[in-house]
C-alpha atoms as a PDB file:
ATOM      1  CA  MET A   1     200.834 257.857 181.177  1.00  0.00           C
ATOM      2  CA  LYS A   2     197.886 255.838 179.424  1.00  0.00           C
ATOM      3  CA  SER A   3     195.514 258.613 176.835  1.00  0.00           C
ATOM      4  CA  PRO A   4     192.359 259.035 178.629  1.00  0.00           C
ATOM      5  CA  GLY A   5     189.985 256.287 177.798  1.00  0.00           C
ATOM      6  CA  SER A   6     187.216 259.445 176.875  1.00  0.00           C
ATOM      7  CA  LEU A   7     187.285 263.364 175.864  1.00  0.00           C
ATOM      8  CA  GLU A   8     185.119 263.704 179.488  1.00  0.00           C
ATOM      9  CA  GLN A   9     188.402 262.045 180.664  1.00  0.00           C
ATOM     10  CA  ASN A  10     190.442 264.544 178.515  1.00  0.00           C
ATOM     11  CA  ILE A  11     191.550 267.771 180.195  1.00  0.00           C
ATOM     12  CA  VAL A  12     192.747 269.002 177.423  1.00  0.00           C
ATOM     13  CA  TYR A  13     190.000 268.819 175.382  1.00  0.00           C
ATOM     14  CA  LEU A  14     187.967 269.704 178.975  1.00  0.00           C
ATOM     15  CA  ALA A  15     189.958 272.650 178.857  1.00  0.00           C
ATOM     16  CA  GLY A  16     189.272 273.813 174.999  1.00  0.00           C
ATOM     17  CA  GLU A  17     185.246 273.003 175.753  1.00  0.00           C
ATOM     18  CA  PHE A  18     185.205 274.979 179.128  1.00  0.00           C
ATOM     19  CA  THR A  19     186.444 278.039 176.627  1.00  0.00           C
ATOM     20  CA  HIS A  20     184.460 277.212 173.868  1.00  0.00           C
ATOM     21  CA  ARG A  21     181.450 277.452 176.078  1.00  0.00           C
ATOM     22  CA  PHE A  22     182.468 280.551 178.267  1.00  0.00           C
ATOM     23  CA  HIS A  23     183.020 282.638 175.174  1.00  0.00           C
ATOM     24  CA  ARG A  24     179.964 282.025 174.010  1.00  0.00           C
ATOM     25  CA  ALA A  25     177.920 282.468 177.094  1.00  0.00           C
ATOM     26  CA  LEU A  26     180.178 285.897 177.259  1.00  0.00           C
ATOM     27  CA  THR A  27     178.888 286.538 174.136  1.00  0.00           C
ATOM     28  CA  THR A  28     174.966 286.539 174.817  1.00  0.00           C
ATOM     29  CA  ALA A  29     176.042 288.286 178.076  1.00  0.00           C
ATOM     30  CA  PHE A  30     176.698 290.570 175.691  1.00  0.00           C
ATOM     31  CA  ARG A  31     173.627 290.498 173.292  1.00  0.00           C
ATOM     32  CA  ARG A  32     171.122 290.312 176.333  1.00  0.00           C
ATOM     33  CA  GLN A  33     173.057 294.239 177.127  1.00  0.00           C
ATOM     34  CA  GLY A  34     173.021 295.337 173.943  1.00  0.00           C
ATOM     35  CA  LEU A  35     176.835 296.036 173.629  1.00  0.00           C
ATOM     36  CA  ASN A  36     178.178 294.613 169.861  1.00  0.00           C
ATOM     37  CA  LEU A  37     181.271 292.978 170.851  1.00  0.00           C
ATOM     38  CA  THR A  38     183.419 290.332 169.724  1.00  0.00           C
ATOM     39  CA  VAL A  39     184.964 287.612 172.386  1.00  0.00           C
ATOM     40  CA  GLU A  40     188.545 289.386 170.774  1.00  0.00           C
ATOM     41  CA  GLN A  41     187.254 292.865 171.216  1.00  0.00           C
ATOM     42  CA  PHE A  42     186.918 292.031 174.807  1.00  0.00           C
ATOM     43  CA  SER A  43     189.942 290.598 175.271  1.00  0.00           C
ATOM     44  CA  ILE A  44     191.377 293.675 173.655  1.00  0.00           C
ATOM     45  CA  LEU A  45     189.531 295.703 176.516  1.00  0.00           C
ATOM     46  CA  ALA A  46     190.379 293.285 179.205  1.00  0.00           C
ATOM     47  CA  LEU A  47     193.756 293.823 178.778  1.00  0.00           C
ATOM     48  CA  LEU A  48     193.919 297.415 178.428  1.00  0.00           C
ATOM     49  CA  TRP A  49     192.414 297.506 181.525  1.00  0.00           C
ATOM     50  CA  TYR A  50     195.279 296.599 183.376  1.00  0.00           C
ATOM     51  CA  LYS A  51     197.326 298.257 181.116  1.00  0.00           C
ATOM     52  CA  ASP A  52     196.478 300.895 179.285  1.00  0.00           C
ATOM     53  CA  GLY A  53     198.788 302.532 176.482  1.00  0.00           C
ATOM     54  CA  ILE A  54     200.520 299.559 175.465  1.00  0.00           C
ATOM     55  CA  ASN A  55     201.614 298.900 172.005  1.00  0.00           C
ATOM     56  CA  GLN A  56     200.246 296.154 169.414  1.00  0.00           C
ATOM     57  CA  GLN A  57     203.121 294.041 169.326  1.00  0.00           C
ATOM     58  CA  GLU A  58     202.191 294.193 173.343  1.00  0.00           C
ATOM     59  CA  ILE A  59     198.885 293.074 173.085  1.00  0.00           C
ATOM     60  CA  SER A  60     200.024 290.408 170.521  1.00  0.00           C
ATOM     61  CA  GLU A  61     202.213 288.771 172.920  1.00  0.00           C
ATOM     62  CA  GLN A  62     199.491 289.453 175.913  1.00  0.00           C
ATOM     63  CA  LEU A  63     196.894 287.762 173.961  1.00  0.00           C
ATOM     64  CA  GLY A  64     199.091 284.680 172.412  1.00  0.00           C
ATOM     65  CA  ARG A  65     197.704 286.004 169.073  1.00  0.00           C
ATOM     66  CA  ASP A  66     199.502 287.135 166.290  1.00  0.00           C
ATOM     67  CA  LYS A  67     199.850 290.534 164.704  1.00  0.00           C
ATOM     68  CA  THR A  68     197.574 290.942 161.508  1.00  0.00           C
ATOM     69  CA  THR A  69     194.663 289.634 164.082  1.00  0.00           C
ATOM     70  CA  ILE A  70     195.569 292.361 166.381  1.00  0.00           C
ATOM     71  CA  ALA A  71     195.875 294.527 163.749  1.00  0.00           C
ATOM     72  CA  ARG A  72     192.297 293.261 162.191  1.00  0.00           C
ATOM     73  CA  VAL A  73     190.420 292.923 165.794  1.00  0.00           C
ATOM     74  CA  LEU A  74     192.096 297.134 166.289  1.00  0.00           C
ATOM     75  CA  ASN A  75     191.618 298.483 163.152  1.00  0.00           C
ATOM     76  CA  THR A  76     187.670 297.424 163.762  1.00  0.00           C
ATOM     77  CA  MET A  77     187.399 298.543 167.573  1.00  0.00           C
ATOM     78  CA  GLU A  78     188.855 302.176 165.754  1.00  0.00           C
ATOM     79  CA  LYS A  79     186.750 302.356 163.560  1.00  0.00           C
ATOM     80  CA  ASN A  80     183.764 301.906 166.044  1.00  0.00           C
ATOM     81  CA  GLN A  81     185.860 304.522 168.283  1.00  0.00           C
ATOM     82  CA  LEU A  82     186.623 301.682 171.580  1.00  0.00           C
ATOM     83  CA  VAL A  83     190.457 302.725 171.010  1.00  0.00           C
ATOM     84  CA  ARG A  84     192.865 305.295 168.875  1.00  0.00           C
ATOM     85  CA  ARG A  85     197.092 304.491 167.997  1.00  0.00           C
ATOM     86  CA  MET A  86     199.085 306.818 168.386  1.00  0.00           C
ATOM     87  CA  THR A  87     202.423 307.414 167.453  1.00  0.00           C
ATOM     88  CA  ASP A  88     204.805 305.335 170.516  1.00  0.00           C
ATOM     89  CA  PRO A  89     207.346 308.202 171.040  1.00  0.00           C
ATOM     90  CA  ARG A  90     210.546 306.177 172.250  1.00  0.00           C
ATOM     91  CA  ASP A  91     210.051 304.389 168.516  1.00  0.00           C
ATOM     92  CA  THR A  92     208.202 305.809 165.625  1.00  0.00           C
ATOM     93  CA  ARG A  93     207.972 303.357 164.268  1.00  0.00           C
ATOM     94  CA  GLY A  94     205.054 301.715 166.855  1.00  0.00           C
ATOM     95  CA  LYS A  95     201.928 302.410 167.307  1.00  0.00           C
ATOM     96  CA  LEU A  96     200.579 303.042 171.599  1.00  0.00           C
ATOM     97  CA  VAL A  97     196.690 301.256 172.020  1.00  0.00           C
ATOM     98  CA  SER A  98     194.975 303.386 174.298  1.00  0.00           C
ATOM     99  CA  LEU A  99     190.582 303.698 174.815  1.00  0.00           C
ATOM    100  CA  THR A 100     188.711 306.290 174.161  1.00  0.00           C
ATOM    101  CA  ALA A 101     186.177 306.921 176.530  1.00  0.00           C
ATOM    102  CA  LYS A 102     183.525 304.810 174.761  1.00  0.00           C
ATOM    103  CA  GLY A 103     185.674 302.071 175.175  1.00  0.00           C
ATOM    104  CA  LYS A 104     186.410 302.688 178.324  1.00  0.00           C
ATOM    105  CA  SER A 105     182.614 303.286 178.920  1.00  0.00           C
ATOM    106  CA  LEU A 106     182.485 300.250 177.462  1.00  0.00           C
ATOM    107  CA  GLN A 107     185.028 298.380 179.241  1.00  0.00           C
ATOM    108  CA  LYS A 108     183.531 298.981 182.940  1.00  0.00           C
ATOM    109  CA  LYS A 109     180.747 297.498 181.506  1.00  0.00           C
ATOM    110  CA  THR A 110     181.989 293.990 179.584  1.00  0.00           C
ATOM    111  CA  VAL A 111     184.371 293.911 182.380  1.00  0.00           C
ATOM    112  CA  THR A 112     181.911 293.368 184.975  1.00  0.00           C
ATOM    113  CA  LEU A 113     179.929 291.010 182.757  1.00  0.00           C
ATOM    114  CA  SER A 114     182.454 288.584 183.103  1.00  0.00           C
ATOM    115  CA  ALA A 115     183.559 289.222 186.439  1.00  0.00           C
ATOM    116  CA  GLN A 116     179.807 288.436 186.734  1.00  0.00           C
ATOM    117  CA  LEU A 117     180.275 284.782 184.712  1.00  0.00           C
ATOM    118  CA  TYR A 118     183.633 284.157 186.051  1.00  0.00           C
ATOM    119  CA  GLU A 119     181.922 283.890 190.008  1.00  0.00           C
ATOM    120  CA  LYS A 120     179.269 281.535 188.275  1.00  0.00           C
ATOM    121  CA  CYS A 121     181.778 279.561 187.051  1.00  0.00           C
ATOM    122  CA  VAL A 122     183.333 279.472 189.972  1.00  0.00           C
ATOM    123  CA  GLU A 123     181.207 279.386 192.682  1.00  0.00           C
ATOM    124  CA  SER A 124     181.111 275.531 193.938  1.00  0.00           C
ATOM    125  CA  LEU A 125     184.813 275.092 193.700  1.00  0.00           C
ATOM    126  CA  THR A 126     187.327 275.992 197.286  1.00  0.00           C
ATOM    127  CA  PRO A 127     189.703 278.196 196.724  1.00  0.00           C
ATOM    128  CA  SER A 128     192.245 275.151 197.360  1.00  0.00           C
ATOM    129  CA  GLU A 129     190.318 273.753 194.191  1.00  0.00           C
ATOM    130  CA  GLN A 130     190.804 277.253 192.026  1.00  0.00           C
ATOM    131  CA  LYS A 131     194.464 277.139 193.345  1.00  0.00           C
ATOM    132  CA  ALA A 132     195.055 273.834 192.204  1.00  0.00           C
ATOM    133  CA  GLY A 133     193.206 273.726 189.254  1.00  0.00           C
ATOM    134  CA  ILE A 134     195.085 276.994 188.349  1.00  0.00           C
ATOM    135  CA  SER A 135     198.370 275.751 189.060  1.00  0.00           C
ATOM    136  CA  VAL A 136     197.541 272.932 186.674  1.00  0.00           C
ATOM    137  CA  LEU A 137     196.522 274.993 184.117  1.00  0.00           C
ATOM    138  CA  LEU A 138     199.745 276.305 184.140  1.00  0.00           C
ATOM    139  CA  LYS A 139     202.147 274.142 184.062  1.00  0.00           C
ATOM    140  CA  MET A 140     200.272 272.409 181.244  1.00  0.00           C
ATOM    141  CA  MET A 141     200.551 275.495 179.584  1.00  0.00           C
ATOM    142  CA  ASN A 142     204.090 275.491 180.079  1.00  0.00           C
ATOM    143  CA  ASN A 143     205.073 272.349 179.369  1.00  0.00           C
ATOM    144  CA  ILE A 144     204.212 273.353 175.116  1.00  0.00           C
ATOM    145  CA  SER A 145     205.645 276.783 175.869  1.00  0.00           C
END
């Protein structure tokens, strides 16, 4: 296939631009609600929404981030009393990460804001367009994995 004629026709550029704009809009929504949270921290909160009590390695793998970045973000979150790290009983070298009560409260607020922004993003798409978009992005991701 021939290279795209412009950035507006480049699906990789558009996917990246969408992600950037979504993160910026989400950060703005957090600030409007007085929530001091980065997108990286939100990613961890959202992951723990689905699977609380996982180890740092799993968080790193699930989010596609390096272990050093995850450790740094978790240090900040632990300092802010959003998460706690406990020794993994199955492997004492590892730490399991779980939400504190404060983290769960913030998680509910931020997941709600994120869901509202998600709904705004897809409101003009039909279910079949959403399904097709997901399929295309998954194929693209698998092509470079």
